[in-house]
């Protein structure tokens, strides 16, 4: 399995499931950068399919550049022929974890736990529109203000900016 050595070396993605107060399904696609631990996106919908995965990744590549690898479980939305073809055409290496081994996708699984503990278990969303707003607000807090122990308690976005702003490779390695 590839390891993250700099921003965009490895992204991870996974789905989180929840529900609205009236019981309707809520599905979230979470994408993180394994090096910075930054949450690049939380796509929210009733159901998200392989085409939604492709659209989300396309948008993120325009914003952040292209990852070398993307790690995921073997869910149907990630292993779909359409997604595999898109990854191949984009020259992004898929890195699938061993089935039944979520610890191999530990960065995004840890993130998903924080999302659940800090937001989903504390809120009753009345609509998908409300869920999108509150989830995006939490994502921005997570990236910009929430300290992360992996980077000397700096928020993930600070780590990305320090790495990108640095002309000195030694400073990049200690970010």
N, C-alpha and C. Protein backbone atom coordinates (compact mmCIF):
# COMPACT_ATOMS: atom_id res chain seq x y z
N UNK A 1 0.84 -1.19 0.00
CA UNK A 1 0.00 0.00 0.00
C UNK A 1 0.88 1.25 0.00
N UNK A 2 0.58 2.20 -0.86
CA UNK A 2 1.37 3.43 -0.87
C UNK A 2 1.12 4.26 0.39
N UNK A 3 2.15 4.99 0.81
CA UNK A 3 2.02 5.90 1.95
C UNK A 3 2.13 7.34 1.48
N UNK A 4 1.53 8.25 2.21
CA UNK A 4 1.54 9.67 1.84
C UNK A 4 2.86 10.31 2.25
N UNK A 5 3.53 10.96 1.32
CA UNK A 5 4.80 11.62 1.57
C UNK A 5 4.72 13.14 1.39
N UNK A 6 3.63 13.61 0.81
CA UNK A 6 3.40 15.04 0.59
C UNK A 6 1.93 15.21 0.21
N UNK A 7 1.43 16.45 0.20
CA UNK A 7 0.05 16.64 -0.23
C UNK A 7 -0.16 16.04 -1.63
N UNK A 8 -1.31 15.46 -1.84
CA UNK A 8 -1.72 14.85 -3.10
C UNK A 8 -0.98 13.56 -3.43
N UNK A 9 -0.17 13.03 -2.54
CA UNK A 9 0.43 11.74 -2.86
C UNK A 9 -0.61 10.63 -2.70
N UNK A 10 -1.42 10.69 -1.65
CA UNK A 10 -2.49 9.71 -1.45
C UNK A 10 -3.73 10.41 -0.89
N UNK A 11 -4.84 10.23 -1.57
CA UNK A 11 -6.13 10.61 -1.04
C UNK A 11 -6.84 9.33 -0.60
N UNK A 12 -7.76 9.45 0.34
CA UNK A 12 -8.61 8.33 0.75
C UNK A 12 -10.05 8.78 0.65
N UNK A 13 -10.93 7.83 0.30
CA UNK A 13 -12.34 8.17 0.32
C UNK A 13 -13.17 7.01 0.82
N UNK A 14 -14.33 7.38 1.38
CA UNK A 14 -15.22 6.39 1.98
C UNK A 14 -16.60 7.03 2.13
N UNK A 15 -17.58 6.19 2.35
CA UNK A 15 -18.94 6.66 2.57
C UNK A 15 -19.31 6.59 4.04
N UNK A 16 -20.12 7.54 4.47
CA UNK A 16 -20.73 7.55 5.80
C UNK A 16 -22.24 7.62 5.58
N UNK A 17 -22.97 6.82 6.33
CA UNK A 17 -24.43 6.78 6.21
C UNK A 17 -25.06 7.33 7.49
N UNK A 18 -26.14 8.08 7.30
CA UNK A 18 -26.90 8.61 8.43
C UNK A 18 -28.33 8.77 7.94
N UNK A 19 -29.15 9.45 8.70
CA UNK A 19 -30.52 9.71 8.26
C UNK A 19 -31.00 11.05 8.77
N UNK A 20 -32.00 11.57 8.07
CA UNK A 20 -32.65 12.80 8.49
C UNK A 20 -33.60 12.47 9.64
N UNK A 21 -34.11 13.50 10.30
CA UNK A 21 -35.01 13.31 11.44
C UNK A 21 -36.25 12.51 11.05
N UNK A 22 -36.68 12.60 9.79
CA UNK A 22 -37.87 11.87 9.33
C UNK A 22 -37.53 10.47 8.82
N UNK A 23 -36.27 10.05 8.95
CA UNK A 23 -35.88 8.70 8.56
C UNK A 23 -35.34 8.56 7.15
N UNK A 24 -35.42 9.61 6.34
CA UNK A 24 -34.88 9.52 4.98
C UNK A 24 -33.36 9.37 5.03
N UNK A 25 -32.83 8.64 4.05
CA UNK A 25 -31.40 8.34 4.00
C UNK A 25 -30.56 9.57 3.72
N UNK A 26 -29.39 9.56 4.32
CA UNK A 26 -28.39 10.60 4.10
C UNK A 26 -27.06 9.87 3.88
N UNK A 27 -26.45 10.11 2.75
CA UNK A 27 -25.19 9.44 2.41
C UNK A 27 -24.15 10.50 2.13
N UNK A 28 -22.95 10.30 2.67
CA UNK A 28 -21.87 11.26 2.51
C UNK A 28 -20.64 10.58 1.94
N UNK A 29 -20.04 11.20 0.93
CA UNK A 29 -18.76 10.76 0.39
C UNK A 29 -17.70 11.68 0.98
N UNK A 30 -16.81 11.11 1.78
CA UNK A 30 -15.74 11.88 2.43
C UNK A 30 -14.43 11.61 1.70
N UNK A 31 -13.73 12.68 1.34
CA UNK A 31 -12.43 12.56 0.66
C UNK A 31 -11.41 13.34 1.48
N UNK A 32 -10.31 12.67 1.85
CA UNK A 32 -9.27 13.34 2.62
C UNK A 32 -7.91 13.16 1.95
N UNK A 33 -7.02 14.09 2.23
CA UNK A 33 -5.61 13.99 1.84
C UNK A 33 -4.88 13.34 3.01
N UNK A 34 -4.27 12.19 2.78
CA UNK A 34 -3.65 11.46 3.88
C UNK A 34 -2.46 12.19 4.49
N UNK A 35 -1.76 13.01 3.73
CA UNK A 35 -0.59 13.71 4.27
C UNK A 35 -1.01 14.85 5.20
N UNK A 36 -1.87 15.73 4.70
CA UNK A 36 -2.27 16.90 5.49
C UNK A 36 -3.41 16.59 6.45
N UNK A 37 -4.12 15.50 6.21
CA UNK A 37 -5.35 15.10 6.93
C UNK A 37 -6.51 16.06 6.62
N UNK A 38 -6.34 16.88 5.60
CA UNK A 38 -7.39 17.82 5.21
C UNK A 38 -8.56 17.09 4.57
N UNK A 39 -9.77 17.47 4.95
CA UNK A 39 -10.96 16.94 4.31
C UNK A 39 -11.21 17.78 3.06
N UNK A 40 -11.01 17.18 1.90
CA UNK A 40 -11.16 17.90 0.65
C UNK A 40 -12.62 18.08 0.27
N UNK A 41 -13.47 17.13 0.68
CA UNK A 41 -14.90 17.23 0.36
C UNK A 41 -15.70 16.28 1.24
N UNK A 42 -16.92 16.70 1.51
CA UNK A 42 -17.95 15.80 2.02
C UNK A 42 -19.16 16.04 1.11
N UNK A 43 -19.35 15.15 0.18
CA UNK A 43 -20.47 15.24 -0.76
C UNK A 43 -21.69 14.61 -0.09
N UNK A 44 -22.81 15.31 -0.07
CA UNK A 44 -24.00 14.86 0.66
C UNK A 44 -25.14 14.62 -0.32
N UNK A 45 -25.82 13.48 -0.15
CA UNK A 45 -26.99 13.18 -0.98
C UNK A 45 -27.84 12.10 -0.35
N UNK A 46 -28.93 11.77 -1.04
CA UNK A 46 -29.78 10.66 -0.61
C UNK A 46 -29.09 9.36 -0.95
N UNK A 47 -28.56 9.31 -2.14
CA UNK A 47 -27.76 8.16 -2.59
C UNK A 47 -26.69 8.72 -3.50
N UNK A 48 -25.51 8.21 -3.38
CA UNK A 48 -24.41 8.66 -4.23
C UNK A 48 -23.90 7.44 -4.99
N UNK A 49 -23.69 7.60 -6.27
CA UNK A 49 -23.31 6.49 -7.13
C UNK A 49 -21.92 6.73 -7.73
N UNK A 50 -21.50 5.81 -8.57
CA UNK A 50 -20.17 5.92 -9.15
C UNK A 50 -20.00 7.22 -9.93
N UNK A 51 -21.03 7.68 -10.62
CA UNK A 51 -20.93 8.94 -11.36
C UNK A 51 -20.70 10.12 -10.41
N UNK A 52 -21.30 10.07 -9.23
CA UNK A 52 -21.08 11.12 -8.23
C UNK A 52 -19.65 11.10 -7.72
N UNK A 53 -19.08 9.91 -7.59
CA UNK A 53 -17.67 9.77 -7.20
C UNK A 53 -16.79 10.46 -8.24
N UNK A 54 -17.04 10.19 -9.51
CA UNK A 54 -16.25 10.78 -10.59
C UNK A 54 -16.40 12.30 -10.61
N UNK A 55 -17.61 12.80 -10.49
CA UNK A 55 -17.83 14.25 -10.49
C UNK A 55 -17.12 14.92 -9.32
N UNK A 56 -17.18 14.30 -8.15
CA UNK A 56 -16.51 14.86 -6.97
C UNK A 56 -15.00 14.88 -7.17
N UNK A 57 -14.43 13.77 -7.64
CA UNK A 57 -12.98 13.73 -7.86
C UNK A 57 -12.55 14.72 -8.93
N UNK A 58 -13.33 14.87 -9.98
CA UNK A 58 -13.01 15.84 -11.04
C UNK A 58 -12.95 17.26 -10.48
N UNK A 59 -13.94 17.59 -9.67
CA UNK A 59 -13.98 18.93 -9.05
C UNK A 59 -12.78 19.13 -8.13
N UNK A 60 -12.46 18.12 -7.33
CA UNK A 60 -11.33 18.24 -6.40
C UNK A 60 -10.00 18.36 -7.14
N UNK A 61 -9.86 17.67 -8.25
CA UNK A 61 -8.61 17.78 -9.02
C UNK A 61 -8.44 19.18 -9.58
N UNK A 62 -9.54 19.83 -9.96
CA UNK A 62 -9.43 21.22 -10.44
C UNK A 62 -8.98 22.14 -9.31
N UNK A 63 -9.40 21.85 -8.09
CA UNK A 63 -9.06 22.69 -6.94
C UNK A 63 -7.67 22.40 -6.36
N UNK A 64 -7.31 21.13 -6.26
CA UNK A 64 -6.11 20.73 -5.51
C UNK A 64 -5.02 20.09 -6.35
N UNK A 65 -5.31 19.74 -7.58
CA UNK A 65 -4.37 18.95 -8.35
C UNK A 65 -4.74 17.48 -8.24
N UNK A 66 -3.91 16.65 -8.83
CA UNK A 66 -4.21 15.23 -8.95
C UNK A 66 -3.44 14.41 -7.92
N UNK A 67 -4.10 13.48 -7.23
CA UNK A 67 -3.36 12.59 -6.34
C UNK A 67 -2.65 11.51 -7.16
N UNK A 68 -1.57 10.98 -6.61
CA UNK A 68 -0.91 9.85 -7.27
C UNK A 68 -1.73 8.58 -7.08
N UNK A 69 -2.28 8.42 -5.87
CA UNK A 69 -3.09 7.24 -5.53
C UNK A 69 -4.34 7.68 -4.79
N UNK A 70 -5.36 6.83 -4.83
CA UNK A 70 -6.54 7.04 -4.02
C UNK A 70 -6.92 5.70 -3.38
N UNK A 71 -7.00 5.73 -2.05
CA UNK A 71 -7.24 4.52 -1.27
C UNK A 71 -8.73 4.41 -0.92
N UNK A 72 -9.25 3.19 -1.00
CA UNK A 72 -10.66 2.97 -0.65
C UNK A 72 -10.88 1.51 -0.30
N UNK A 73 -12.09 1.26 0.22
CA UNK A 73 -12.51 -0.12 0.37
C UNK A 73 -12.98 -0.61 -1.00
N UNK A 74 -13.60 -1.76 -1.03
CA UNK A 74 -13.99 -2.37 -2.30
C UNK A 74 -15.48 -2.19 -2.60
N UNK A 75 -16.04 -1.08 -2.11
CA UNK A 75 -17.45 -0.79 -2.35
C UNK A 75 -17.75 -0.66 -3.84
N UNK A 76 -18.99 -0.98 -4.20
CA UNK A 76 -19.40 -0.98 -5.60
C UNK A 76 -19.17 0.36 -6.29
N UNK A 77 -19.35 1.47 -5.57
CA UNK A 77 -19.17 2.79 -6.19
C UNK A 77 -17.70 3.04 -6.53
N UNK A 78 -16.78 2.41 -5.82
CA UNK A 78 -15.35 2.62 -6.05
C UNK A 78 -14.76 1.63 -7.05
N UNK A 79 -15.36 0.44 -7.15
CA UNK A 79 -14.83 -0.59 -8.04
C UNK A 79 -15.57 -0.64 -9.38
N UNK A 80 -16.56 0.21 -9.55
CA UNK A 80 -17.33 0.23 -10.79
C UNK A 80 -16.41 0.45 -11.99
N UNK A 81 -16.72 -0.20 -13.09
CA UNK A 81 -15.91 -0.09 -14.31
C UNK A 81 -15.74 1.37 -14.73
N UNK A 82 -16.80 2.15 -14.58
CA UNK A 82 -16.76 3.56 -14.96
C UNK A 82 -15.71 4.32 -14.13
N UNK A 83 -15.66 4.06 -12.83
CA UNK A 83 -14.69 4.72 -11.95
C UNK A 83 -13.28 4.22 -12.26
N UNK A 84 -13.13 2.92 -12.45
CA UNK A 84 -11.81 2.36 -12.75
C UNK A 84 -11.26 2.93 -14.06
N UNK A 85 -12.11 3.06 -15.06
CA UNK A 85 -11.69 3.63 -16.34
C UNK A 85 -11.30 5.10 -16.16
N UNK A 86 -12.09 5.84 -15.38
CA UNK A 86 -11.79 7.25 -15.14
C UNK A 86 -10.45 7.40 -14.42
N UNK A 87 -10.21 6.58 -13.39
CA UNK A 87 -8.93 6.63 -12.67
C UNK A 87 -7.77 6.31 -13.60
N UNK A 88 -7.94 5.28 -14.44
CA UNK A 88 -6.88 4.91 -15.38
C UNK A 88 -6.60 6.07 -16.35
N UNK A 89 -7.65 6.66 -16.89
CA UNK A 89 -7.48 7.77 -17.83
C UNK A 89 -6.84 8.99 -17.17
N UNK A 90 -7.09 9.18 -15.88
CA UNK A 90 -6.50 10.30 -15.13
C UNK A 90 -5.12 9.95 -14.58
N UNK A 91 -4.67 8.72 -14.80
CA UNK A 91 -3.37 8.23 -14.30
C UNK A 91 -3.28 8.32 -12.78
N UNK A 92 -4.36 7.92 -12.12
CA UNK A 92 -4.41 7.83 -10.66
C UNK A 92 -4.46 6.36 -10.29
N UNK A 93 -3.56 5.94 -9.43
CA UNK A 93 -3.52 4.54 -9.03
C UNK A 93 -4.55 4.24 -7.96
N UNK A 94 -5.46 3.27 -8.21
CA UNK A 94 -6.37 2.86 -7.14
C UNK A 94 -5.60 2.01 -6.13
N UNK A 95 -5.87 2.20 -4.87
CA UNK A 95 -5.23 1.42 -3.80
C UNK A 95 -6.35 0.84 -2.95
N UNK A 96 -6.77 -0.37 -3.28
CA UNK A 96 -7.87 -1.01 -2.57
C UNK A 96 -7.36 -1.74 -1.34
N UNK A 97 -8.08 -1.58 -0.25
CA UNK A 97 -7.71 -2.29 0.98
C UNK A 97 -8.21 -3.74 0.88
N UNK A 98 -7.68 -4.58 1.73
CA UNK A 98 -8.13 -5.96 1.80
C UNK A 98 -9.57 -5.98 2.31
N UNK A 99 -10.47 -6.73 1.66
CA UNK A 99 -11.86 -6.77 2.15
C UNK A 99 -11.92 -7.14 3.63
N UNK A 100 -12.78 -6.43 4.36
CA UNK A 100 -12.95 -6.67 5.79
C UNK A 100 -11.83 -6.13 6.65
N UNK A 101 -11.01 -5.20 6.11
CA UNK A 101 -9.87 -4.65 6.84
C UNK A 101 -9.91 -3.13 6.87
N UNK A 102 -10.91 -2.53 7.53
CA UNK A 102 -11.04 -1.07 7.50
C UNK A 102 -9.84 -0.34 8.08
N UNK A 103 -9.06 -0.99 8.95
CA UNK A 103 -7.87 -0.35 9.52
C UNK A 103 -6.84 -0.02 8.45
N UNK A 104 -6.91 -0.68 7.29
CA UNK A 104 -5.99 -0.35 6.19
C UNK A 104 -6.37 0.98 5.54
N UNK A 105 -7.53 1.48 5.84
CA UNK A 105 -7.98 2.78 5.36
C UNK A 105 -8.18 3.70 6.58
N UNK A 106 -7.22 3.62 7.49
CA UNK A 106 -7.34 4.23 8.81
C UNK A 106 -7.51 5.73 8.82
N UNK A 107 -6.90 6.45 7.88
CA UNK A 107 -7.01 7.91 7.89
C UNK A 107 -8.45 8.35 7.69
N UNK A 108 -9.10 7.81 6.67
CA UNK A 108 -10.49 8.23 6.41
C UNK A 108 -11.44 7.61 7.44
N UNK A 109 -11.15 6.41 7.91
CA UNK A 109 -12.00 5.81 8.95
C UNK A 109 -11.94 6.64 10.24
N UNK A 110 -10.75 7.11 10.59
CA UNK A 110 -10.61 7.98 11.76
C UNK A 110 -11.38 9.29 11.55
N UNK A 111 -11.24 9.85 10.36
CA UNK A 111 -11.98 11.07 10.04
C UNK A 111 -13.49 10.83 10.17
N UNK A 112 -13.96 9.71 9.62
CA UNK A 112 -15.39 9.40 9.69
C UNK A 112 -15.87 9.32 11.14
N UNK A 113 -15.05 8.77 12.01
CA UNK A 113 -15.40 8.71 13.43
C UNK A 113 -15.53 10.08 14.05
N UNK A 114 -14.62 10.99 13.69
CA UNK A 114 -14.70 12.36 14.19
C UNK A 114 -15.96 13.05 13.67
N UNK A 115 -16.26 12.87 12.39
CA UNK A 115 -17.47 13.43 11.80
C UNK A 115 -18.70 12.93 12.56
N UNK A 116 -18.74 11.65 12.84
CA UNK A 116 -19.89 11.09 13.55
C UNK A 116 -19.96 11.61 14.99
N UNK A 117 -18.83 11.57 15.71
CA UNK A 117 -18.83 11.98 17.13
C UNK A 117 -19.07 13.48 17.31
N UNK A 118 -18.47 14.29 16.45
CA UNK A 118 -18.51 15.73 16.65
C UNK A 118 -19.69 16.43 15.98
N UNK A 119 -20.33 15.75 15.01
CA UNK A 119 -21.45 16.41 14.32
C UNK A 119 -22.67 15.51 14.20
N UNK A 120 -22.53 14.37 13.53
CA UNK A 120 -23.71 13.58 13.20
C UNK A 120 -24.47 13.09 14.43
N UNK A 121 -23.76 12.71 15.47
CA UNK A 121 -24.43 12.23 16.68
C UNK A 121 -25.02 13.37 17.52
N UNK A 122 -24.72 14.60 17.15
CA UNK A 122 -25.19 15.76 17.92
C UNK A 122 -26.30 16.55 17.23
N UNK A 123 -26.56 16.26 15.97
CA UNK A 123 -27.52 17.03 15.18
C UNK A 123 -28.63 16.13 14.63
N UNK A 124 -29.82 16.68 14.58
CA UNK A 124 -30.93 16.05 13.87
C UNK A 124 -31.22 16.94 12.67
N UNK A 125 -30.84 16.50 11.50
CA UNK A 125 -31.05 17.29 10.28
C UNK A 125 -32.50 17.16 9.83
N UNK A 126 -33.13 18.31 9.58
CA UNK A 126 -34.52 18.31 9.12
C UNK A 126 -34.63 18.13 7.61
N UNK A 127 -33.56 18.47 6.89
CA UNK A 127 -33.58 18.35 5.43
C UNK A 127 -32.15 18.11 4.94
N UNK A 128 -32.03 17.66 3.71
CA UNK A 128 -30.69 17.49 3.13
C UNK A 128 -30.02 18.84 2.96
N UNK A 129 -30.80 19.87 2.64
CA UNK A 129 -30.23 21.21 2.50
C UNK A 129 -29.60 21.65 3.82
N UNK A 130 -30.31 21.45 4.93
CA UNK A 130 -29.75 21.80 6.24
C UNK A 130 -28.51 20.95 6.53
N UNK A 131 -28.57 19.67 6.22
CA UNK A 131 -27.42 18.79 6.44
C UNK A 131 -26.21 19.28 5.66
N UNK A 132 -26.40 19.66 4.41
CA UNK A 132 -25.28 20.14 3.59
C UNK A 132 -24.63 21.37 4.21
N UNK A 133 -25.44 22.30 4.68
CA UNK A 133 -24.91 23.53 5.27
C UNK A 133 -24.13 23.23 6.54
N UNK A 134 -24.70 22.44 7.44
CA UNK A 134 -24.04 22.16 8.72
C UNK A 134 -22.81 21.27 8.54
N UNK A 135 -22.88 20.33 7.61
CA UNK A 135 -21.72 19.46 7.35
C UNK A 135 -20.59 20.27 6.74
N UNK A 136 -20.90 21.16 5.81
CA UNK A 136 -19.85 22.00 5.21
C UNK A 136 -19.25 22.94 6.25
N UNK A 137 -20.08 23.49 7.12
CA UNK A 137 -19.57 24.35 8.19
C UNK A 137 -18.61 23.56 9.09
N UNK A 138 -18.96 22.32 9.44
CA UNK A 138 -18.08 21.49 10.28
C UNK A 138 -16.79 21.15 9.53
N UNK A 139 -16.91 20.85 8.22
CA UNK A 139 -15.72 20.53 7.41
C UNK A 139 -14.74 21.70 7.42
N UNK A 140 -15.25 22.91 7.27
CA UNK A 140 -14.38 24.09 7.29
C UNK A 140 -13.74 24.26 8.67
N UNK A 141 -14.50 24.04 9.73
CA UNK A 141 -13.93 24.09 11.08
C UNK A 141 -12.83 23.04 11.23
N UNK A 142 -13.11 21.83 10.79
CA UNK A 142 -12.13 20.73 10.88
C UNK A 142 -10.83 21.11 10.16
N UNK A 143 -10.93 21.66 8.97
CA UNK A 143 -9.75 21.99 8.18
C UNK A 143 -9.01 23.22 8.69
N UNK A 144 -9.74 24.25 9.09
CA UNK A 144 -9.13 25.55 9.38
C UNK A 144 -8.82 25.80 10.85
N UNK A 145 -9.55 25.17 11.76
CA UNK A 145 -9.39 25.53 13.17
C UNK A 145 -9.11 24.36 14.10
N UNK A 146 -9.56 23.17 13.74
CA UNK A 146 -9.43 22.03 14.65
C UNK A 146 -8.00 21.51 14.62
N UNK A 147 -7.31 21.47 15.76
CA UNK A 147 -5.93 20.97 15.79
C UNK A 147 -5.87 19.48 15.51
N UNK A 148 -4.78 19.06 14.88
CA UNK A 148 -4.60 17.64 14.56
C UNK A 148 -3.28 17.16 15.15
N UNK A 149 -3.33 16.12 15.93
CA UNK A 149 -2.13 15.64 16.65
C UNK A 149 -1.03 15.16 15.71
N UNK A 150 -1.36 14.70 14.53
CA UNK A 150 -0.34 14.19 13.61
C UNK A 150 0.61 15.29 13.13
N UNK A 151 0.19 16.54 13.23
CA UNK A 151 1.01 17.66 12.75
C UNK A 151 1.21 18.70 13.85
N UNK A 152 1.66 18.25 15.00
CA UNK A 152 1.95 19.15 16.13
C UNK A 152 0.77 20.06 16.44
N UNK A 153 -0.41 19.52 16.37
CA UNK A 153 -1.65 20.22 16.73
C UNK A 153 -1.94 21.44 15.85
N UNK A 154 -1.49 21.38 14.61
CA UNK A 154 -1.87 22.39 13.63
C UNK A 154 -3.09 21.88 12.86
N UNK A 155 -3.98 22.77 12.45
CA UNK A 155 -5.11 22.34 11.61
C UNK A 155 -4.61 21.86 10.23
N UNK A 156 -5.32 20.96 9.60
CA UNK A 156 -4.89 20.42 8.31
C UNK A 156 -4.63 21.47 7.23
N UNK A 157 -5.47 22.49 7.11
CA UNK A 157 -5.26 23.50 6.07
C UNK A 157 -3.98 24.28 6.30
N UNK A 158 -3.61 24.49 7.55
CA UNK A 158 -2.35 25.17 7.88
C UNK A 158 -1.17 24.33 7.40
N UNK A 159 -1.27 23.03 7.56
CA UNK A 159 -0.21 22.12 7.11
C UNK A 159 -0.06 22.20 5.59
N UNK A 160 -1.18 22.18 4.86
CA UNK A 160 -1.12 22.27 3.40
C UNK A 160 -0.49 23.60 2.98
N UNK A 161 -0.95 24.70 3.57
CA UNK A 161 -0.40 26.01 3.18
C UNK A 161 1.09 26.10 3.48
N UNK A 162 1.51 25.61 4.64
CA UNK A 162 2.94 25.65 4.99
C UNK A 162 3.75 24.85 4.00
N UNK A 163 3.25 23.71 3.62
CA UNK A 163 3.98 22.86 2.67
C UNK A 163 4.07 23.55 1.31
N UNK A 164 2.96 24.10 0.84
CA UNK A 164 2.93 24.73 -0.48
C UNK A 164 3.70 26.04 -0.52
N UNK A 165 3.72 26.78 0.60
CA UNK A 165 4.40 28.07 0.64
C UNK A 165 5.90 27.95 0.85
N UNK A 166 6.36 26.79 1.25
CA UNK A 166 7.76 26.62 1.60
C UNK A 166 8.63 26.45 0.37
N UNK A 167 9.74 27.21 0.33
CA UNK A 167 10.75 27.02 -0.70
C UNK A 167 11.83 26.05 -0.22
N UNK A 168 11.74 25.68 1.04
CA UNK A 168 12.77 24.87 1.68
C UNK A 168 12.22 23.48 1.93
N UNK A 169 12.82 22.47 1.34
CA UNK A 169 12.34 21.11 1.48
C UNK A 169 12.35 20.66 2.94
N UNK A 170 13.32 21.13 3.75
CA UNK A 170 13.35 20.75 5.16
C UNK A 170 12.12 21.27 5.89
N UNK A 171 11.69 22.48 5.56
CA UNK A 171 10.49 23.04 6.18
C UNK A 171 9.26 22.23 5.77
N UNK A 172 9.24 21.77 4.52
CA UNK A 172 8.12 20.97 4.05
C UNK A 172 8.04 19.66 4.82
N UNK A 173 9.16 19.07 5.10
CA UNK A 173 9.16 17.78 5.78
C UNK A 173 8.76 17.88 7.24
N UNK A 174 8.92 19.05 7.87
CA UNK A 174 8.56 19.19 9.28
C UNK A 174 7.19 19.82 9.47
N UNK A 175 6.50 20.15 8.38
CA UNK A 175 5.17 20.79 8.48
C UNK A 175 4.17 19.87 9.14
